[in-house]
Amino acid sequence: MANLASTLWNQGRWDDAEKLEVQVMETRKMKLGPDHPDTLTSMANLASMLWNQGRWDDAEKLFVQVMETRKMKLGPDHPDTLTSMANLASTLWNQGRWDDAEKLFVQVMEMSK
């Protein structure tokens, strides 16, 4: 289903893709749990879809959830956590929250060393 959502997105069928990605995310939450890596990937995918539509506030909420859960489960310097932090920083940047974005980007750089 996640692959189909991606295909729909690539075809420009954004509403259909989003609906399917929400369904994938909710199913994974129910079957695997809210902090399972596959669930978090679905949440990040949905956040990216929202981000690409310029729906920064909605994307931010999901990116924060993914980042916080990955920090807790994987640790603050895990590559997946750092990717989540960078995604959130990009979202903050697009919202015009440059100071917050810069702080987060700097953290990502420092933790990546």
PDB file of N, CA and C in Angstrom:
ATOM      1  N   MET A   1       0.829  -1.201   0.000  1.00  0.00           N
ATOM      2  CA  MET A   1       0.000   0.000   0.000  1.00  0.00           C
ATOM      3  C   MET A   1       0.870   1.261   0.000  1.00  0.00           C
ATOM      4  N   ALA A   2       1.973   1.209   0.747  1.00  0.00           N
ATOM      5  CA  ALA A   2       2.865   2.371   0.790  1.00  0.00           C
ATOM      6  C   ALA A   2       3.461   2.645  -0.590  1.00  0.00           C
ATOM      7  N   ASN A   3       3.792   1.583  -1.310  1.00  0.00           N
ATOM      8  CA  ASN A   3       4.321   1.753  -2.661  1.00  0.00           C
ATOM      9  C   ASN A   3       3.269   2.354  -3.592  1.00  0.00           C
ATOM     10  N   LEU A   4       2.021   1.933  -3.409  1.00  0.00           N
ATOM     11  CA  LEU A   4       0.939   2.489  -4.222  1.00  0.00           C
ATOM     12  C   LEU A   4       0.769   3.977  -3.905  1.00  0.00           C
ATOM     13  N   ALA A   5       0.864   4.345  -2.635  1.00  0.00           N
ATOM     14  CA  ALA A   5       0.750   5.754  -2.257  1.00  0.00           C
ATOM     15  C   ALA A   5       1.850   6.564  -2.935  1.00  0.00           C
ATOM     16  N   SER A   6       3.038   6.029  -2.963  1.00  0.00           N
ATOM     17  CA  SER A   6       4.154   6.705  -3.621  1.00  0.00           C
ATOM     18  C   SER A   6       3.912   6.845  -5.121  1.00  0.00           C
ATOM     19  N   THR A   7       3.373   5.799  -5.723  1.00  0.00           N
ATOM     20  CA  THR A   7       3.066   5.830  -7.150  1.00  0.00           C
ATOM     21  C   THR A   7       2.001   6.885  -7.456  1.00  0.00           C
ATOM     22  N   LEU A   8       0.962   6.923  -6.623  1.00  0.00           N
ATOM     23  CA  LEU A   8      -0.093   7.925  -6.810  1.00  0.00           C
ATOM     24  C   LEU A   8       0.489   9.337  -6.693  1.00  0.00           C
ATOM     25  N   TRP A   9       1.383   9.509  -5.712  1.00  0.00           N
ATOM     26  CA  TRP A   9       2.024  10.820  -5.539  1.00  0.00           C
ATOM     27  C   TRP A   9       2.794  11.205  -6.798  1.00  0.00           C
ATOM     28  N   ASN A  10       3.564  10.268  -7.323  1.00  0.00           N
ATOM     29  CA  ASN A  10       4.363  10.539  -8.512  1.00  0.00           C
ATOM     30  C   ASN A  10       3.500  10.833  -9.738  1.00  0.00           C
ATOM     31  N   GLN A  11       2.268  10.352  -9.739  1.00  0.00           N
ATOM     32  CA  GLN A  11       1.335  10.624 -10.834  1.00  0.00           C
ATOM     33  C   GLN A  11       0.604  11.954 -10.650  1.00  0.00           C
ATOM     34  N   GLY A  12       0.878  12.624  -9.540  1.00  0.00           N
ATOM     35  CA  GLY A  12       0.204  13.893  -9.267  1.00  0.00           C
ATOM     36  C   GLY A  12      -1.160  13.732  -8.633  1.00  0.00           C
ATOM     37  N   ARG A  13      -1.461  12.529  -8.188  1.00  0.00           N
ATOM     38  CA  ARG A  13      -2.751  12.262  -7.534  1.00  0.00           C
ATOM     39  C   ARG A  13      -2.562  12.405  -6.022  1.00  0.00           C
ATOM     40  N   TRP A  14      -2.330  13.670  -5.598  1.00  0.00           N
ATOM     41  CA  TRP A  14      -1.898  13.937  -4.234  1.00  0.00           C
ATOM     42  C   TRP A  14      -2.962  13.609  -3.186  1.00  0.00           C
ATOM     43  N   ASP A  15      -4.218  13.891  -3.477  1.00  0.00           N
ATOM     44  CA  ASP A  15      -5.271  13.584  -2.508  1.00  0.00           C
ATOM     45  C   ASP A  15      -5.389  12.083  -2.283  1.00  0.00           C
ATOM     46  N   ASP A  16      -5.364  11.324  -3.379  1.00  0.00           N
ATOM     47  CA  ASP A  16      -5.446   9.863  -3.261  1.00  0.00           C
ATOM     48  C   ASP A  16      -4.225   9.313  -2.526  1.00  0.00           C
ATOM     49  N   ALA A  17      -3.058   9.855  -2.833  1.00  0.00           N
ATOM     50  CA  ALA A  17      -1.825   9.405  -2.189  1.00  0.00           C
ATOM     51  C   ALA A  17      -1.872   9.680  -0.691  1.00  0.00           C
ATOM     52  N   GLU A  18      -2.331  10.862  -0.339  1.00  0.00           N
ATOM     53  CA  GLU A  18      -2.398  11.226   1.080  1.00  0.00           C
ATOM     54  C   GLU A  18      -3.373  10.323   1.839  1.00  0.00           C
ATOM     55  N   LYS A  19      -4.541  10.095   1.262  1.00  0.00           N
ATOM     56  CA  LYS A  19      -5.527   9.223   1.912  1.00  0.00           C
ATOM     57  C   LYS A  19      -4.959   7.824   2.146  1.00  0.00           C
ATOM     58  N   LEU A  20      -4.279   7.304   1.154  1.00  0.00           N
ATOM     59  CA  LEU A  20      -3.700   5.968   1.271  1.00  0.00           C
ATOM     60  C   LEU A  20      -2.571   5.956   2.301  1.00  0.00           C
ATOM     61  N   GLU A  21      -1.739   6.984   2.303  1.00  0.00           N
ATOM     62  CA  GLU A  21      -0.639   7.045   3.272  1.00  0.00           C
ATOM     63  C   GLU A  21      -1.163   7.163   4.695  1.00  0.00           C
ATOM     64  N   VAL A  22      -2.250   7.893   4.897  1.00  0.00           N
ATOM     65  CA  VAL A  22      -2.888   7.964   6.218  1.00  0.00           C
ATOM     66  C   VAL A  22      -3.380   6.581   6.623  1.00  0.00           C
ATOM     67  N   GLN A  23      -3.975   5.868   5.676  1.00  0.00           N
ATOM     68  CA  GLN A  23      -4.467   4.515   5.959  1.00  0.00           C
ATOM     69  C   GLN A  23      -3.311   3.589   6.334  1.00  0.00           C
ATOM     70  N   VAL A  24      -2.208   3.678   5.609  1.00  0.00           N
ATOM     71  CA  VAL A  24      -1.025   2.863   5.915  1.00  0.00           C
ATOM     72  C   VAL A  24      -0.522   3.186   7.311  1.00  0.00           C
ATOM     73  N   MET A  25      -0.405   4.482   7.612  1.00  0.00           N
ATOM     74  CA  MET A  25       0.097   4.903   8.910  1.00  0.00           C
ATOM     75  C   MET A  25      -0.808   4.409  10.050  1.00  0.00           C
ATOM     76  N   GLU A  26      -2.102   4.588   9.896  1.00  0.00           N
ATOM     77  CA  GLU A  26      -3.045   4.169  10.948  1.00  0.00           C
ATOM     78  C   GLU A  26      -3.037   2.652  11.128  1.00  0.00           C
ATOM     79  N   THR A  27      -2.954   1.918  10.029  1.00  0.00           N
ATOM     80  CA  THR A  27      -2.904   0.455  10.118  1.00  0.00           C
ATOM     81  C   THR A  27      -1.638   0.005  10.837  1.00  0.00           C
ATOM     82  N   ARG A  28      -0.521   0.611  10.486  1.00  0.00           N
ATOM     83  CA  ARG A  28       0.737   0.251  11.148  1.00  0.00           C
ATOM     84  C   ARG A  28       0.714   0.615  12.629  1.00  0.00           C
ATOM     85  N   LYS A  29       0.130   1.757  12.963  1.00  0.00           N
ATOM     86  CA  LYS A  29       0.005   2.124  14.379  1.00  0.00           C
ATOM     87  C   LYS A  29      -0.774   1.057  15.135  1.00  0.00           C
ATOM     88  N   MET A  30      -1.870   0.607  14.536  1.00  0.00           N
ATOM     89  CA  MET A  30      -2.737  -0.367  15.187  1.00  0.00           C
ATOM     90  C   MET A  30      -2.075  -1.745  15.264  1.00  0.00           C
ATOM     91  N   LYS A  31      -1.466  -2.188  14.186  1.00  0.00           N
ATOM     92  CA  LYS A  31      -0.911  -3.542  14.121  1.00  0.00           C
ATOM     93  C   LYS A  31       0.493  -3.654  14.718  1.00  0.00           C
ATOM     94  N   LEU A  32       1.325  -2.629  14.515  1.00  0.00           N
ATOM     95  CA  LEU A  32       2.723  -2.709  14.928  1.00  0.00           C
ATOM     96  C   LEU A  32       3.036  -1.874  16.165  1.00  0.00           C
ATOM     97  N   GLY A  33       2.211  -0.872  16.409  1.00  0.00           N
ATOM     98  CA  GLY A  33       2.438   0.034  17.525  1.00  0.00           C
ATOM     99  C   GLY A  33       2.933   1.381  17.020  1.00  0.00           C
ATOM    100  N   PRO A  34       2.726   2.431  17.833  1.00  0.00           N
ATOM    101  CA  PRO A  34       3.057   3.788  17.396  1.00  0.00           C
ATOM    102  C   PRO A  34       4.550   4.088  17.293  1.00  0.00           C
ATOM    103  N   ASP A  35       5.377   3.258  17.945  1.00  0.00           N
ATOM    104  CA  ASP A  35       6.815   3.541  17.923  1.00  0.00           C
ATOM    105  C   ASP A  35       7.613   2.516  17.124  1.00  0.00           C
ATOM    106  N   HIS A  36       6.926   1.686  16.349  1.00  0.00           N
ATOM    107  CA  HIS A  36       7.599   0.718  15.484  1.00  0.00           C
ATOM    108  C   HIS A  36       8.278   1.462  14.332  1.00  0.00           C
ATOM    109  N   PRO A  37       9.458   1.032  13.913  1.00  0.00           N
ATOM    110  CA  PRO A  37      10.155   1.719  12.816  1.00  0.00           C
ATOM    111  C   PRO A  37       9.321   1.874  11.544  1.00  0.00           C
ATOM    112  N   ASP A  38       8.544   0.872  11.191  1.00  0.00           N
ATOM    113  CA  ASP A  38       7.718   0.977   9.980  1.00  0.00           C
ATOM    114  C   ASP A  38       6.613   2.021  10.144  1.00  0.00           C
ATOM    115  N   THR A  39       6.056   2.107  11.346  1.00  0.00           N
ATOM    116  CA  THR A  39       5.045   3.129  11.626  1.00  0.00           C
ATOM    117  C   THR A  39       5.664   4.512  11.507  1.00  0.00           C
ATOM    118  N   LEU A  40       6.864   4.670  12.073  1.00  0.00           N
ATOM    119  CA  LEU A  40       7.539   5.961  12.013  1.00  0.00           C
ATOM    120  C   LEU A  40       7.895   6.340  10.577  1.00  0.00           C
ATOM    121  N   THR A  41       8.268   5.358   9.774  1.00  0.00           N
ATOM    122  CA  THR A  41       8.538   5.621   8.362  1.00  0.00           C
ATOM    123  C   THR A  41       7.278   6.114   7.662  1.00  0.00           C
ATOM    124  N   SER A  42       6.136   5.496   7.955  1.00  0.00           N
ATOM    125  CA  SER A  42       4.866   5.937   7.364  1.00  0.00           C
ATOM    126  C   SER A  42       4.526   7.361   7.787  1.00  0.00           C
ATOM    127  N   MET A  43       4.775   7.661   9.045  1.00  0.00           N
ATOM    128  CA  MET A  43       4.509   9.017   9.535  1.00  0.00           C
ATOM    129  C   MET A  43       5.412  10.023   8.823  1.00  0.00           C
ATOM    130  N   ALA A  44       6.673   9.664   8.669  1.00  0.00           N
ATOM    131  CA  ALA A  44       7.615  10.548   7.973  1.00  0.00           C
ATOM    132  C   ALA A  44       7.232  10.710   6.503  1.00  0.00           C
ATOM    133  N   ASN A  45       6.776   9.635   5.874  1.00  0.00           N
ATOM    134  CA  ASN A  45       6.336   9.714   4.474  1.00  0.00           C
ATOM    135  C   ASN A  45       5.141  10.656   4.328  1.00  0.00           C
ATOM    136  N   LEU A  46       4.195  10.530   5.254  1.00  0.00           N
ATOM    137  CA  LEU A  46       3.028  11.412   5.215  1.00  0.00           C
ATOM    138  C   LEU A  46       3.452  12.858   5.457  1.00  0.00           C
ATOM    139  N   ALA A  47       4.344  13.064   6.417  1.00  0.00           N
ATOM    140  CA  ALA A  47       4.835  14.415   6.689  1.00  0.00           C
ATOM    141  C   ALA A  47       5.512  15.002   5.446  1.00  0.00           C
ATOM    142  N   SER A  48       6.262  14.167   4.730  1.00  0.00           N
ATOM    143  CA  SER A  48       6.916  14.633   3.501  1.00  0.00           C
ATOM    144  C   SER A  48       5.896  15.009   2.431  1.00  0.00           C
ATOM    145  N   MET A  49       4.829  14.232   2.329  1.00  0.00           N
ATOM    146  CA  MET A  49       3.770  14.575   1.382  1.00  0.00           C
ATOM    147  C   MET A  49       3.168  15.936   1.725  1.00  0.00           C
ATOM    148  N   LEU A  50       2.910  16.140   3.008  1.00  0.00           N
ATOM    149  CA  LEU A  50       2.347  17.418   3.456  1.00  0.00           C
ATOM    150  C   LEU A  50       3.335  18.556   3.201  1.00  0.00           C
ATOM    151  N   TRP A  51       4.603  18.285   3.469  1.00  0.00           N
ATOM    152  CA  TRP A  51       5.668  19.269   3.262  1.00  0.00           C
ATOM    153  C   TRP A  51       5.713  19.700   1.793  1.00  0.00           C
ATOM    154  N   ASN A  52       5.637  18.709   0.903  1.00  0.00           N
ATOM    155  CA  ASN A  52       5.691  18.999  -0.535  1.00  0.00           C
ATOM    156  C   ASN A  52       4.485  19.793  -1.030  1.00  0.00           C
ATOM    157  N   GLN A  53       3.409  19.768  -0.259  1.00  0.00           N
ATOM    158  CA  GLN A  53       2.219  20.548  -0.604  1.00  0.00           C
ATOM    159  C   GLN A  53       2.239  21.927   0.057  1.00  0.00           C
ATOM    160  N   GLY A  54       3.303  22.210   0.819  1.00  0.00           N
ATOM    161  CA  GLY A  54       3.387  23.488   1.512  1.00  0.00           C
ATOM    162  C   GLY A  54       2.548  23.550   2.769  1.00  0.00           C
ATOM    163  N   ARG A  55       2.141  22.413   3.264  1.00  0.00           N
ATOM    164  CA  ARG A  55       1.329  22.352   4.492  1.00  0.00           C
ATOM    165  C   ARG A  55       2.270  22.182   5.682  1.00  0.00           C
ATOM    166  N   TRP A  56       3.033  23.266   5.936  1.00  0.00           N
ATOM    167  CA  TRP A  56       4.137  23.222   6.887  1.00  0.00           C
ATOM    168  C   TRP A  56       3.696  22.864   8.302  1.00  0.00           C
ATOM    169  N   ASP A  57       2.582  23.426   8.774  1.00  0.00           N
ATOM    170  CA  ASP A  57       2.155  23.169  10.153  1.00  0.00           C
ATOM    171  C   ASP A  57       1.810  21.699  10.368  1.00  0.00           C
ATOM    172  N   ASP A  58       1.091  21.126   9.411  1.00  0.00           N
ATOM    173  CA  ASP A  58       0.732  19.708   9.515  1.00  0.00           C
ATOM    174  C   ASP A  58       1.979  18.825   9.438  1.00  0.00           C
ATOM    175  N   ALA A  59       2.876  19.179   8.528  1.00  0.00           N
ATOM    176  CA  ALA A  59       4.122  18.418   8.394  1.00  0.00           C
ATOM    177  C   ALA A  59       4.943  18.518   9.670  1.00  0.00           C
ATOM    178  N   GLU A  60       5.016  19.723  10.230  1.00  0.00           N
ATOM    179  CA  GLU A  60       5.801  19.920  11.456  1.00  0.00           C
ATOM    180  C   GLU A  60       5.334  19.007  12.586  1.00  0.00           C
ATOM    181  N   LYS A  61       4.032  18.923  12.778  1.00  0.00           N
ATOM    182  CA  LYS A  61       3.492  18.085  13.864  1.00  0.00           C
ATOM    183  C   LYS A  61       3.954  16.638  13.725  1.00  0.00           C
ATOM    184  N   LEU A  62       3.881  16.106  12.522  1.00  0.00           N
ATOM    185  CA  LEU A  62       4.302  14.725  12.295  1.00  0.00           C
ATOM    186  C   LEU A  62       5.809  14.571  12.425  1.00  0.00           C
ATOM    187  N   PHE A  63       6.570  15.513  11.852  1.00  0.00           N
ATOM    188  CA  PHE A  63       8.029  15.437  11.958  1.00  0.00           C
ATOM    189  C   PHE A  63       8.486  15.493  13.419  1.00  0.00           C
ATOM    190  N   VAL A  64       7.814  16.299  14.242  1.00  0.00           N
ATOM    191  CA  VAL A  64       8.164  16.370  15.668  1.00  0.00           C
ATOM    192  C   VAL A  64       7.903  15.020  16.335  1.00  0.00           C
ATOM    193  N   GLN A  65       6.758  14.424  16.050  1.00  0.00           N
ATOM    194  CA  GLN A  65       6.434  13.114  16.637  1.00  0.00           C
ATOM    195  C   GLN A  65       7.465  12.069  16.244  1.00  0.00           C
ATOM    196  N   VAL A  66       7.812  12.043  14.970  1.00  0.00           N
ATOM    197  CA  VAL A  66       8.788  11.065  14.486  1.00  0.00           C
ATOM    198  C   VAL A  66      10.143  11.301  15.142  1.00  0.00           C
ATOM    199  N   MET A  67      10.568  12.552  15.179  1.00  0.00           N
ATOM    200  CA  MET A  67      11.869  12.882  15.760  1.00  0.00           C
ATOM    201  C   MET A  67      11.928  12.509  17.243  1.00  0.00           C
ATOM    202  N   GLU A  68      10.920  12.891  17.990  1.00  0.00           N
ATOM    203  CA  GLU A  68      10.921  12.610  19.429  1.00  0.00           C
ATOM    204  C   GLU A  68      10.894  11.104  19.711  1.00  0.00           C
ATOM    205  N   THR A  69      10.110  10.370  18.954  1.00  0.00           N
ATOM    206  CA  THR A  69      10.041   8.923  19.153  1.00  0.00           C
ATOM    207  C   THR A  69      11.359   8.261  18.775  1.00  0.00           C
ATOM    208  N   ARG A  70      11.946   8.683  17.681  1.00  0.00           N
ATOM    209  CA  ARG A  70      13.242   8.111  17.283  1.00  0.00           C
ATOM    210  C   ARG A  70      14.335   8.459  18.288  1.00  0.00           C
ATOM    211  N   LYS A  71      14.314   9.677  18.822  1.00  0.00           N
ATOM    212  CA  LYS A  71      15.292  10.038  19.859  1.00  0.00           C
ATOM    213  C   LYS A  71      15.172   9.087  21.046  1.00  0.00           C
ATOM    214  N   MET A  72      13.941   8.824  21.447  1.00  0.00           N
ATOM    215  CA  MET A  72      13.690   7.981  22.609  1.00  0.00           C
ATOM    216  C   MET A  72      14.062   6.523  22.331  1.00  0.00           C
ATOM    217  N   LYS A  73      13.707   6.023  21.162  1.00  0.00           N
ATOM    218  CA  LYS A  73      13.898   4.606  20.858  1.00  0.00           C
ATOM    219  C   LYS A  73      15.282   4.276  20.302  1.00  0.00           C
ATOM    220  N   LEU A  74      15.829   5.184  19.484  1.00  0.00           N
ATOM    221  CA  LEU A  74      17.082   4.889  18.789  1.00  0.00           C
ATOM    222  C   LEU A  74      18.270   5.664  19.340  1.00  0.00           C
ATOM    223  N   GLY A  75      17.988   6.740  20.046  1.00  0.00           N
ATOM    224  CA  GLY A  75      19.049   7.600  20.558  1.00  0.00           C
ATOM    225  C   GLY A  75      19.175   8.858  19.719  1.00  0.00           C
ATOM    226  N   PRO A  76      19.742   9.914  20.301  1.00  0.00           N
ATOM    227  CA  PRO A  76      19.800  11.209  19.616  1.00  0.00           C
ATOM    228  C   PRO A  76      20.777  11.261  18.447  1.00  0.00           C
ATOM    229  N   ASP A  77      21.736  10.340  18.387  1.00  0.00           N
ATOM    230  CA  ASP A  77      22.724  10.411  17.317  1.00  0.00           C
ATOM    231  C   ASP A  77      22.564   9.309  16.262  1.00  0.00           C
ATOM    232  N   HIS A  78      21.459   8.586  16.306  1.00  0.00           N
ATOM    233  CA  HIS A  78      21.186   7.556  15.307  1.00  0.00           C
ATOM    234  C   HIS A  78      20.898   8.243  13.958  1.00  0.00           C
ATOM    235  N   PRO A  79      21.358   7.675  12.860  1.00  0.00           N
ATOM    236  CA  PRO A  79      21.125   8.297  11.543  1.00  0.00           C
ATOM    237  C   PRO A  79      19.650   8.599  11.245  1.00  0.00           C
ATOM    238  N   ASP A  80      18.746   7.712  11.636  1.00  0.00           N
ATOM    239  CA  ASP A  80      17.320   7.969  11.391  1.00  0.00           C
ATOM    240  C   ASP A  80      16.828   9.153  12.209  1.00  0.00           C
ATOM    241  N   THR A  81      17.334   9.272  13.441  1.00  0.00           N
ATOM    242  CA  THR A  81      16.965  10.413  14.275  1.00  0.00           C
ATOM    243  C   THR A  81      17.483  11.704  13.657  1.00  0.00           C
ATOM    244  N   LEU A  82      18.721  11.669  13.194  1.00  0.00           N
ATOM    245  CA  LEU A  82      19.312  12.861  12.582  1.00  0.00           C
ATOM    246  C   LEU A  82      18.570  13.269  11.310  1.00  0.00           C
ATOM    247  N   THR A  83      18.131  12.289  10.536  1.00  0.00           N
ATOM    248  CA  THR A  83      17.328  12.592   9.345  1.00  0.00           C
ATOM    249  C   THR A  83      16.022  13.270   9.745  1.00  0.00           C
ATOM    250  N   SER A  84      15.402  12.767  10.810  1.00  0.00           N
ATOM    251  CA  SER A  84      14.161  13.369  11.299  1.00  0.00           C
ATOM    252  C   SER A  84      14.387  14.803  11.752  1.00  0.00           C
ATOM    253  N   MET A  85      15.500  15.035  12.418  1.00  0.00           N
ATOM    254  CA  MET A  85      15.832  16.387  12.881  1.00  0.00           C
ATOM    255  C   MET A  85      16.047  17.321  11.687  1.00  0.00           C
ATOM    256  N   ALA A  86      16.738  16.831  10.668  1.00  0.00           N
ATOM    257  CA  ALA A  86      16.981  17.651   9.474  1.00  0.00           C
ATOM    258  C   ALA A  86      15.675  17.947   8.737  1.00  0.00           C
ATOM    259  N   ASN A  87      14.775  16.974   8.674  1.00  0.00           N
ATOM    260  CA  ASN A  87      13.470  17.197   8.047  1.00  0.00           C
ATOM    261  C   ASN A  87      12.690  18.274   8.796  1.00  0.00           C
ATOM    262  N   LEU A  88      12.721  18.204  10.112  1.00  0.00           N
ATOM    263  CA  LEU A  88      12.032  19.215  10.910  1.00  0.00           C
ATOM    264  C   LEU A  88      12.679  20.582  10.707  1.00  0.00           C
ATOM    265  N   ALA A  89      13.999  20.620  10.678  1.00  0.00           N
ATOM    266  CA  ALA A  89      14.700  21.890  10.474  1.00  0.00           C
ATOM    267  C   ALA A  89      14.305  22.512   9.125  1.00  0.00           C
ATOM    268  N   SER A  90      14.202  21.695   8.088  1.00  0.00           N
ATOM    269  CA  SER A  90      13.784  22.203   6.775  1.00  0.00           C
ATOM    270  C   SER A  90      12.370  22.771   6.826  1.00  0.00           C
ATOM    271  N   THR A  91      11.523  22.116   7.577  1.00  0.00           N
ATOM    272  CA  THR A  91      10.152  22.587   7.730  1.00  0.00           C
ATOM    273  C   THR A  91      10.131  23.933   8.447  1.00  0.00           C
ATOM    274  N   LEU A  92      10.907  24.043   9.521  1.00  0.00           N
ATOM    275  CA  LEU A  92      10.979  25.308  10.251  1.00  0.00           C
ATOM    276  C   LEU A  92      11.503  26.417   9.343  1.00  0.00           C
ATOM    277  N   TRP A  93      12.502  26.091   8.532  1.00  0.00           N
ATOM    278  CA  TRP A  93      13.071  27.061   7.595  1.00  0.00           C
ATOM    279  C   TRP A  93      11.989  27.574   6.640  1.00  0.00           C
ATOM    280  N   ASN A  94      11.200  26.657   6.108  1.00  0.00           N
ATOM    281  CA  ASN A  94      10.149  27.041   5.159  1.00  0.00           C
ATOM    282  C   ASN A  94       9.036  27.846   5.820  1.00  0.00           C
ATOM    283  N   GLN A  95       8.920  27.740   7.125  1.00  0.00           N
ATOM    284  CA  GLN A  95       7.934  28.522   7.864  1.00  0.00           C
ATOM    285  C   GLN A  95       8.483  29.904   8.231  1.00  0.00           C
ATOM    286  N   GLY A  96       9.732  30.166   7.879  1.00  0.00           N
ATOM    287  CA  GLY A  96      10.340  31.436   8.223  1.00  0.00           C
ATOM    288  C   GLY A  96      10.884  31.483   9.636  1.00  0.00           C
ATOM    289  N   ARG A  97      10.999  30.333  10.255  1.00  0.00           N
ATOM    290  CA  ARG A  97      11.516  30.244  11.627  1.00  0.00           C
ATOM    291  C   ARG A  97      13.007  29.910  11.554  1.00  0.00           C
ATOM    292  N   TRP A  98      13.765  30.880  11.007  1.00  0.00           N
ATOM    293  CA  TRP A  98      15.158  30.642  10.653  1.00  0.00           C
ATOM    294  C   TRP A  98      16.050  30.366  11.851  1.00  0.00           C
ATOM    295  N   ASP A  99      15.828  31.042  12.965  1.00  0.00           N
ATOM    296  CA  ASP A  99      16.672  30.802  14.146  1.00  0.00           C
ATOM    297  C   ASP A  99      16.491  29.381  14.663  1.00  0.00           C
ATOM    298  N   ASP A 100      15.236  28.942  14.754  1.00  0.00           N
ATOM    299  CA  ASP A 100      14.961  27.573  15.210  1.00  0.00           C
ATOM    300  C   ASP A 100      15.546  26.552  14.238  1.00  0.00           C
ATOM    301  N   ALA A 101      15.386  26.823  12.944  1.00  0.00           N
ATOM    302  CA  ALA A 101      15.915  25.910  11.929  1.00  0.00           C
ATOM    303  C   ALA A 101      17.427  25.828  12.026  1.00  0.00           C
ATOM    304  N   GLU A 102      18.073  26.969  12.181  1.00  0.00           N
ATOM    305  CA  GLU A 102      19.530  26.984  12.261  1.00  0.00           C
ATOM    306  C   GLU A 102      20.031  26.185  13.455  1.00  0.00           C
ATOM    307  N   LYS A 103      19.396  26.371  14.602  1.00  0.00           N
ATOM    308  CA  LYS A 103      19.805  25.635  15.805  1.00  0.00           C
ATOM    309  C   LYS A 103      19.713  24.130  15.576  1.00  0.00           C
ATOM    310  N   LEU A 104      18.634  23.707  14.949  1.00  0.00           N
ATOM    311  CA  LEU A 104      18.444  22.283  14.708  1.00  0.00           C
ATOM    312  C   LEU A 104      19.434  21.765  13.666  1.00  0.00           C
ATOM    313  N   PHE A 105      19.662  22.525  12.613  1.00  0.00           N
ATOM    314  CA  PHE A 105      20.667  22.123  11.612  1.00  0.00           C
ATOM    315  C   PHE A 105      22.054  22.008  12.232  1.00  0.00           C
ATOM    316  N   VAL A 106      22.400  22.938  13.123  1.00  0.00           N
ATOM    317  CA  VAL A 106      23.696  22.884  13.798  1.00  0.00           C
ATOM    318  C   VAL A 106      23.796  21.631  14.663  1.00  0.00           C
ATOM    319  N   GLN A 107      22.715  21.307  15.375  1.00  0.00           N
ATOM    320  CA  GLN A 107      22.706  20.076  16.183  1.00  0.00           C
ATOM    321  C   GLN A 107      22.940  18.859  15.306  1.00  0.00           C
ATOM    322  N   VAL A 108      22.272  18.808  14.186  1.00  0.00           N
ATOM    323  CA  VAL A 108      22.435  17.672  13.268  1.00  0.00           C
ATOM    324  C   VAL A 108      23.892  17.575  12.818  1.00  0.00           C
ATOM    325  N   MET A 109      24.461  18.702  12.435  1.00  0.00           N
ATOM    326  CA  MET A 109      25.867  18.691  11.987  1.00  0.00           C
ATOM    327  C   MET A 109      26.796  18.232  13.092  1.00  0.00           C
ATOM    328  N   GLU A 110      26.611  18.744  14.292  1.00  0.00           N
ATOM    329  CA  GLU A 110      27.487  18.399  15.407  1.00  0.00           C
ATOM    330  C   GLU A 110      27.365  16.913  15.767  1.00  0.00           C
ATOM    331  N   MET A 111      26.159  16.394  15.755  1.00  0.00           N
ATOM    332  CA  MET A 111      25.938  15.007  16.134  1.00  0.00           C
ATOM    333  C   MET A 111      26.352  14.040  15.034  1.00  0.00           C
ATOM    334  N   SER A 112      26.497  14.544  13.819  1.00  0.00           N
ATOM    335  CA  SER A 112      26.891  13.696  12.698  1.00  0.00           C
ATOM    336  C   SER A 112      28.398  13.468  12.624  1.00  0.00           C
ATOM    337  N   LYS A 113      29.150  14.240  13.388  1.00  0.00           N
ATOM    338  CA  LYS A 113      30.612  14.133  13.338  1.00  0.00           C
ATOM    339  C   LYS A 113      31.108  12.844  13.931  1.00  0.00           C
TER     340      LYS A 113
END
